[in-house]
Amino acid sequence: MDVSNVFLHGDLKEEVYMSMPLGYVRYGQYIQPGAHSVSKGQYVCKLLKSLYGLKQAPRQWFEKLSNALLLFGFHQPKANYTFSPRTHQSYTVGLIYMHDMIITGNVTVEISNLKAYLSSHFHMKDFRELSYF
């Protein structure tokens, strides 16, 4: 599975501001070519979500994903970053690398439930059967 725009799912806890993109003046108004000049850095915007390139982005995404997995009923040991289901009747595992996930297990229904749950929280693409790992 692939999470679309993975870092946009992370919520920022710190105040982060960025310079406005070239050509953008304020909400709903754009600079017309040749109309007037605006010095670089005159306008800034406060970010509410993580963006690619922010140092906080990977950490915020992992926190958002961790909270979703914990709400689903998985638990995480204090010693490492793995998540496992609380039930011992089935085994479902998710291998996560940034925005790509491999979800596997011994009960198909549990795999489907986890995929549906994650898809309800994040915009995800399911690539179905794994052909190469």
N, C-alpha and C. Protein backbone atom coordinates (compact mmCIF):
# COMPACT_ATOMS: atom_id res chain seq x y z
N MET A 1 0.85 -1.17 0.00
CA MET A 1 0.00 0.00 0.00
C MET A 1 0.90 1.23 0.00
N ASP A 2 0.35 2.32 -0.50
CA ASP A 2 1.07 3.57 -0.59
C ASP A 2 0.20 4.67 0.00
N VAL A 3 0.75 5.47 0.89
CA VAL A 3 0.02 6.60 1.47
C VAL A 3 0.31 7.84 0.62
N SER A 4 -0.73 8.46 0.09
CA SER A 4 -0.56 9.65 -0.74
C SER A 4 -0.26 10.86 0.14
N ASN A 5 0.67 11.68 -0.30
CA ASN A 5 1.04 12.91 0.40
C ASN A 5 1.25 12.67 1.89
N VAL A 6 2.10 11.71 2.18
CA VAL A 6 2.28 11.21 3.54
C VAL A 6 2.57 12.31 4.56
N PHE A 7 3.41 13.27 4.25
CA PHE A 7 3.78 14.26 5.25
C PHE A 7 2.67 15.27 5.52
N LEU A 8 1.71 15.39 4.61
CA LEU A 8 0.60 16.31 4.86
C LEU A 8 -0.36 15.78 5.93
N HIS A 9 -0.19 14.52 6.32
CA HIS A 9 -1.02 13.95 7.38
C HIS A 9 -0.53 14.37 8.76
N GLY A 10 0.73 14.77 8.87
CA GLY A 10 1.29 15.13 10.16
C GLY A 10 0.83 16.50 10.61
N ASP A 11 0.44 16.62 11.87
CA ASP A 11 0.03 17.90 12.44
C ASP A 11 1.22 18.52 13.15
N LEU A 12 1.48 19.77 12.87
CA LEU A 12 2.60 20.47 13.50
C LEU A 12 2.23 20.91 14.90
N LYS A 13 3.13 20.73 15.84
CA LYS A 13 2.93 21.20 17.20
C LYS A 13 3.65 22.53 17.41
N GLU A 14 4.70 22.76 16.64
CA GLU A 14 5.46 23.99 16.73
C GLU A 14 4.87 25.02 15.77
N GLU A 15 5.19 26.29 16.01
CA GLU A 15 4.81 27.31 15.05
C GLU A 15 5.88 27.34 13.97
N VAL A 16 5.47 27.10 12.72
CA VAL A 16 6.39 27.09 11.59
C VAL A 16 5.83 28.04 10.54
N TYR A 17 6.68 28.94 10.08
CA TYR A 17 6.29 29.91 9.06
C TYR A 17 7.18 29.71 7.84
N MET A 18 6.66 30.00 6.68
CA MET A 18 7.46 29.93 5.46
C MET A 18 7.18 31.15 4.60
N SER A 19 8.16 31.51 3.79
CA SER A 19 7.95 32.61 2.85
C SER A 19 6.92 32.18 1.83
N MET A 20 6.15 33.13 1.38
CA MET A 20 5.14 32.84 0.37
C MET A 20 5.81 32.48 -0.94
N PRO A 21 5.21 31.57 -1.71
CA PRO A 21 5.77 31.21 -3.01
C PRO A 21 5.81 32.45 -3.92
N LEU A 22 6.77 32.46 -4.82
CA LEU A 22 6.93 33.57 -5.74
C LEU A 22 5.63 33.80 -6.51
N GLY A 23 5.16 35.04 -6.53
CA GLY A 23 3.95 35.39 -7.26
C GLY A 23 2.70 35.42 -6.41
N TYR A 24 2.78 34.93 -5.19
CA TYR A 24 1.60 34.90 -4.32
C TYR A 24 1.69 36.06 -3.33
N VAL A 25 0.66 36.87 -3.22
CA VAL A 25 0.68 38.04 -2.36
C VAL A 25 -0.07 37.78 -1.06
N ARG A 26 -1.35 37.50 -1.14
CA ARG A 26 -2.16 37.20 0.03
C ARG A 26 -3.32 36.34 -0.42
N TYR A 27 -4.09 35.87 0.52
CA TYR A 27 -5.17 34.94 0.23
C TYR A 27 -6.06 35.48 -0.88
N GLY A 28 -6.13 34.74 -1.97
CA GLY A 28 -7.01 35.09 -3.07
C GLY A 28 -6.50 36.14 -4.03
N GLN A 29 -5.30 36.65 -3.81
CA GLN A 29 -4.77 37.69 -4.70
C GLN A 29 -3.39 37.28 -5.18
N TYR A 30 -3.16 37.37 -6.46
CA TYR A 30 -1.88 37.03 -7.06
C TYR A 30 -1.28 38.27 -7.73
N ILE A 31 0.03 38.31 -7.79
CA ILE A 31 0.71 39.42 -8.46
C ILE A 31 0.51 39.27 -9.96
N GLN A 32 0.07 40.30 -10.58
CA GLN A 32 -0.05 40.33 -12.04
C GLN A 32 1.32 40.71 -12.60
N PRO A 33 1.77 40.05 -13.65
CA PRO A 33 3.08 40.39 -14.22
C PRO A 33 3.16 41.88 -14.55
N GLY A 34 4.19 42.55 -14.02
CA GLY A 34 4.43 43.96 -14.30
C GLY A 34 3.56 44.91 -13.51
N ALA A 35 2.64 44.42 -12.66
CA ALA A 35 1.72 45.31 -11.94
C ALA A 35 2.46 46.11 -10.87
N HIS A 36 3.14 45.44 -9.96
CA HIS A 36 3.94 46.12 -8.95
C HIS A 36 4.92 45.10 -8.38
N SER A 37 5.94 45.59 -7.75
CA SER A 37 6.95 44.66 -7.23
C SER A 37 6.77 44.49 -5.73
N VAL A 38 7.02 43.29 -5.27
CA VAL A 38 6.97 42.98 -3.85
C VAL A 38 8.32 42.41 -3.48
N SER A 39 8.92 42.93 -2.41
CA SER A 39 10.24 42.45 -2.04
C SER A 39 10.13 41.04 -1.48
N LYS A 40 11.17 40.26 -1.71
CA LYS A 40 11.21 38.86 -1.27
C LYS A 40 11.13 38.81 0.26
N GLY A 41 10.31 37.91 0.77
CA GLY A 41 10.18 37.73 2.20
C GLY A 41 9.20 38.68 2.87
N GLN A 42 8.48 39.49 2.11
CA GLN A 42 7.54 40.44 2.69
C GLN A 42 6.34 39.71 3.30
N TYR A 43 5.92 38.61 2.70
CA TYR A 43 4.76 37.86 3.19
C TYR A 43 5.20 36.48 3.65
N VAL A 44 4.57 36.00 4.72
CA VAL A 44 4.81 34.65 5.21
C VAL A 44 3.47 33.99 5.48
N CYS A 45 3.48 32.66 5.60
CA CYS A 45 2.27 31.96 5.99
C CYS A 45 2.62 30.99 7.11
N LYS A 46 1.67 30.76 8.00
CA LYS A 46 1.85 29.81 9.09
C LYS A 46 1.37 28.45 8.62
N LEU A 47 2.22 27.45 8.77
CA LEU A 47 1.88 26.10 8.34
C LEU A 47 1.08 25.39 9.43
N LEU A 48 0.04 24.71 9.04
CA LEU A 48 -0.75 23.90 9.96
C LEU A 48 -0.43 22.42 9.81
N LYS A 49 0.07 22.05 8.64
CA LYS A 49 0.43 20.66 8.34
C LYS A 49 1.89 20.60 7.94
N SER A 50 2.47 19.41 8.09
CA SER A 50 3.85 19.20 7.67
C SER A 50 3.96 19.28 6.15
N LEU A 51 5.13 19.64 5.68
CA LEU A 51 5.44 19.63 4.26
C LEU A 51 6.72 18.84 4.05
N TYR A 52 6.92 18.33 2.85
CA TYR A 52 8.18 17.69 2.53
C TYR A 52 9.30 18.69 2.74
N GLY A 53 10.38 18.26 3.33
CA GLY A 53 11.52 19.13 3.55
C GLY A 53 11.61 19.65 4.97
N LEU A 54 10.52 19.62 5.72
CA LEU A 54 10.58 20.06 7.11
C LEU A 54 11.24 18.97 7.96
N LYS A 55 12.07 19.38 8.89
CA LYS A 55 12.73 18.40 9.76
C LYS A 55 11.71 17.64 10.61
N GLN A 56 10.59 18.30 10.94
CA GLN A 56 9.58 17.68 11.79
C GLN A 56 8.70 16.69 11.04
N ALA A 57 8.68 16.74 9.71
CA ALA A 57 7.71 15.99 8.92
C ALA A 57 7.72 14.48 9.18
N PRO A 58 8.87 13.80 9.11
CA PRO A 58 8.84 12.34 9.35
C PRO A 58 8.36 11.98 10.76
N ARG A 59 8.78 12.74 11.74
CA ARG A 59 8.37 12.46 13.11
C ARG A 59 6.87 12.66 13.29
N GLN A 60 6.32 13.71 12.70
CA GLN A 60 4.89 13.98 12.82
C GLN A 60 4.06 12.90 12.11
N TRP A 61 4.53 12.44 10.95
CA TRP A 61 3.83 11.38 10.24
C TRP A 61 3.84 10.10 11.06
N PHE A 62 5.00 9.74 11.64
CA PHE A 62 5.09 8.52 12.42
C PHE A 62 4.17 8.60 13.64
N GLU A 63 4.08 9.76 14.26
CA GLU A 63 3.19 9.92 15.41
C GLU A 63 1.73 9.73 15.00
N LYS A 64 1.34 10.28 13.87
CA LYS A 64 -0.04 10.15 13.37
C LYS A 64 -0.34 8.68 13.06
N LEU A 65 0.57 8.00 12.39
CA LEU A 65 0.39 6.58 12.07
C LEU A 65 0.36 5.74 13.34
N SER A 66 1.26 6.01 14.27
CA SER A 66 1.31 5.27 15.54
C SER A 66 -0.01 5.38 16.29
N ASN A 67 -0.53 6.60 16.38
CA ASN A 67 -1.81 6.78 17.08
C ASN A 67 -2.93 6.01 16.41
N ALA A 68 -2.95 5.99 15.08
CA ALA A 68 -3.99 5.24 14.36
C ALA A 68 -3.86 3.74 14.64
N LEU A 69 -2.64 3.22 14.64
CA LEU A 69 -2.44 1.79 14.90
C LEU A 69 -2.80 1.43 16.35
N LEU A 70 -2.49 2.29 17.28
CA LEU A 70 -2.84 2.04 18.68
C LEU A 70 -4.36 2.05 18.87
N LEU A 71 -5.05 2.97 18.19
CA LEU A 71 -6.52 3.01 18.27
C LEU A 71 -7.15 1.77 17.64
N PHE A 72 -6.46 1.18 16.68
CA PHE A 72 -6.96 -0.02 16.01
C PHE A 72 -6.83 -1.25 16.92
N GLY A 73 -6.01 -1.14 17.96
CA GLY A 73 -5.86 -2.26 18.89
C GLY A 73 -4.48 -2.87 18.89
N PHE A 74 -3.56 -2.30 18.16
CA PHE A 74 -2.18 -2.78 18.19
C PHE A 74 -1.51 -2.23 19.44
N HIS A 75 -0.41 -2.84 19.83
CA HIS A 75 0.37 -2.28 20.92
C HIS A 75 1.82 -2.17 20.47
N GLN A 76 2.55 -1.27 21.12
CA GLN A 76 3.94 -1.01 20.77
C GLN A 76 4.80 -1.19 22.01
N PRO A 77 5.80 -2.06 21.93
CA PRO A 77 6.69 -2.21 23.08
C PRO A 77 7.56 -0.96 23.26
N LYS A 78 8.07 -0.77 24.44
CA LYS A 78 8.90 0.40 24.72
C LYS A 78 10.29 0.27 24.09
N ALA A 79 10.72 -0.95 23.77
CA ALA A 79 12.08 -1.18 23.30
C ALA A 79 12.31 -0.87 21.83
N ASN A 80 11.25 -0.88 21.00
CA ASN A 80 11.46 -0.66 19.56
C ASN A 80 10.22 -0.04 18.93
N TYR A 81 10.24 0.09 17.62
CA TYR A 81 9.17 0.77 16.89
C TYR A 81 8.21 -0.19 16.20
N THR A 82 8.11 -1.41 16.66
CA THR A 82 7.21 -2.37 16.04
C THR A 82 5.82 -2.26 16.65
N PHE A 83 4.82 -2.67 15.87
CA PHE A 83 3.45 -2.71 16.35
C PHE A 83 2.93 -4.11 16.10
N SER A 84 2.20 -4.65 17.04
CA SER A 84 1.63 -5.97 16.85
C SER A 84 0.23 -5.99 17.44
N PRO A 85 -0.62 -6.88 16.90
CA PRO A 85 -2.00 -6.96 17.41
C PRO A 85 -2.03 -7.54 18.82
N ARG A 86 -3.04 -7.18 19.58
CA ARG A 86 -3.16 -7.68 20.95
C ARG A 86 -3.66 -9.13 20.99
N THR A 87 -4.30 -9.58 19.94
CA THR A 87 -4.82 -10.95 19.93
C THR A 87 -3.72 -11.94 19.55
N HIS A 88 -3.80 -13.12 20.08
CA HIS A 88 -2.82 -14.16 19.76
C HIS A 88 -3.41 -15.19 18.79
N GLN A 89 -4.65 -14.98 18.36
CA GLN A 89 -5.29 -15.92 17.46
C GLN A 89 -4.90 -15.67 16.02
N SER A 90 -4.48 -14.46 15.73
CA SER A 90 -4.03 -14.15 14.37
C SER A 90 -2.78 -13.30 14.47
N TYR A 91 -2.06 -13.23 13.37
CA TYR A 91 -0.85 -12.42 13.35
C TYR A 91 -0.89 -11.55 12.10
N THR A 92 -0.92 -10.25 12.31
CA THR A 92 -0.91 -9.29 11.22
C THR A 92 0.29 -8.39 11.43
N VAL A 93 1.04 -8.16 10.38
CA VAL A 93 2.22 -7.32 10.50
C VAL A 93 2.25 -6.31 9.36
N GLY A 94 2.71 -5.13 9.67
CA GLY A 94 2.87 -4.09 8.66
C GLY A 94 4.31 -3.63 8.64
N LEU A 95 4.94 -3.74 7.51
CA LEU A 95 6.30 -3.22 7.33
C LEU A 95 6.17 -1.84 6.71
N ILE A 96 6.72 -0.84 7.35
CA ILE A 96 6.50 0.54 6.92
C ILE A 96 7.82 1.19 6.58
N TYR A 97 7.87 1.77 5.39
CA TYR A 97 9.02 2.57 4.98
C TYR A 97 8.48 3.87 4.41
N MET A 98 8.55 4.94 5.20
CA MET A 98 8.02 6.26 4.87
C MET A 98 6.54 6.17 4.49
N HIS A 99 6.23 6.11 3.21
CA HIS A 99 4.84 6.11 2.78
C HIS A 99 4.42 4.79 2.16
N ASP A 100 5.32 3.83 2.12
CA ASP A 100 5.00 2.51 1.56
C ASP A 100 4.81 1.51 2.69
N MET A 101 3.81 0.63 2.54
CA MET A 101 3.52 -0.37 3.56
C MET A 101 3.31 -1.73 2.92
N ILE A 102 3.86 -2.72 3.56
CA ILE A 102 3.56 -4.11 3.22
C ILE A 102 2.77 -4.64 4.41
N ILE A 103 1.55 -5.10 4.15
CA ILE A 103 0.71 -5.64 5.21
C ILE A 103 0.48 -7.11 4.91
N THR A 104 0.80 -7.95 5.87
CA THR A 104 0.66 -9.39 5.68
C THR A 104 0.21 -10.02 7.00
N GLY A 105 -0.18 -11.27 6.94
CA GLY A 105 -0.61 -11.98 8.14
C GLY A 105 -1.15 -13.35 7.79
N ASN A 106 -1.66 -14.03 8.80
CA ASN A 106 -2.15 -15.39 8.58
C ASN A 106 -3.68 -15.48 8.49
N VAL A 107 -4.39 -14.34 8.66
CA VAL A 107 -5.84 -14.32 8.53
C VAL A 107 -6.22 -13.19 7.57
N THR A 108 -6.77 -13.58 6.43
CA THR A 108 -7.09 -12.61 5.37
C THR A 108 -8.06 -11.54 5.84
N VAL A 109 -9.03 -11.91 6.67
CA VAL A 109 -10.01 -10.94 7.16
C VAL A 109 -9.33 -9.85 8.00
N GLU A 110 -8.37 -10.24 8.81
CA GLU A 110 -7.65 -9.27 9.64
C GLU A 110 -6.83 -8.31 8.78
N ILE A 111 -6.22 -8.83 7.73
CA ILE A 111 -5.46 -7.98 6.80
C ILE A 111 -6.40 -6.98 6.14
N SER A 112 -7.55 -7.46 5.68
CA SER A 112 -8.54 -6.59 5.05
C SER A 112 -9.06 -5.53 6.02
N ASN A 113 -9.29 -5.92 7.27
CA ASN A 113 -9.76 -4.97 8.28
C ASN A 113 -8.73 -3.87 8.52
N LEU A 114 -7.46 -4.24 8.61
CA LEU A 114 -6.41 -3.25 8.82
C LEU A 114 -6.29 -2.32 7.62
N LYS A 115 -6.35 -2.86 6.42
CA LYS A 115 -6.29 -2.03 5.21
C LYS A 115 -7.46 -1.05 5.16
N ALA A 116 -8.65 -1.53 5.47
CA ALA A 116 -9.84 -0.67 5.46
C ALA A 116 -9.73 0.42 6.52
N TYR A 117 -9.25 0.04 7.69
CA TYR A 117 -9.09 1.01 8.77
C TYR A 117 -8.09 2.11 8.40
N LEU A 118 -6.94 1.72 7.90
CA LEU A 118 -5.92 2.70 7.51
C LEU A 118 -6.42 3.58 6.36
N SER A 119 -7.14 2.97 5.43
CA SER A 119 -7.68 3.74 4.30
C SER A 119 -8.74 4.75 4.75
N SER A 120 -9.40 4.47 5.87
CA SER A 120 -10.39 5.43 6.38
C SER A 120 -9.71 6.62 7.06
N HIS A 121 -8.46 6.46 7.46
CA HIS A 121 -7.72 7.54 8.12
C HIS A 121 -6.79 8.30 7.17
N PHE A 122 -6.28 7.61 6.15
CA PHE A 122 -5.31 8.20 5.24
C PHE A 122 -5.71 7.87 3.81
N HIS A 123 -5.37 8.74 2.88
CA HIS A 123 -5.63 8.45 1.46
C HIS A 123 -4.57 7.46 1.00
N MET A 124 -5.00 6.22 0.71
CA MET A 124 -4.05 5.15 0.39
C MET A 124 -4.41 4.48 -0.92
N LYS A 125 -3.38 3.98 -1.56
CA LYS A 125 -3.55 3.18 -2.77
C LYS A 125 -3.15 1.75 -2.43
N ASP A 126 -4.01 0.82 -2.79
CA ASP A 126 -3.73 -0.59 -2.54
C ASP A 126 -3.21 -1.21 -3.83
N PHE A 127 -1.98 -1.67 -3.80
CA PHE A 127 -1.38 -2.29 -4.98
C PHE A 127 -1.58 -3.80 -5.01
N ARG A 128 -2.41 -4.31 -4.10
CA ARG A 128 -2.80 -5.72 -4.03
C ARG A 128 -1.60 -6.63 -3.74
N GLU A 129 -1.45 -7.67 -4.55
CA GLU A 129 -0.42 -8.68 -4.34
C GLU A 129 0.98 -8.10 -4.48
N LEU A 130 1.87 -8.46 -3.60
CA LEU A 130 3.26 -8.03 -3.65
C LEU A 130 4.01 -8.89 -4.66
N SER A 131 4.67 -8.26 -5.60
CA SER A 131 5.40 -9.03 -6.60
C SER A 131 6.91 -8.98 -6.39
N TYR A 132 7.39 -8.00 -5.63
CA TYR A 132 8.84 -7.88 -5.41
C TYR A 132 9.07 -7.24 -4.06
N PHE A 133 10.03 -7.80 -3.28
CA PHE A 133 10.34 -7.23 -1.97
C PHE A 133 11.84 -7.29 -1.77
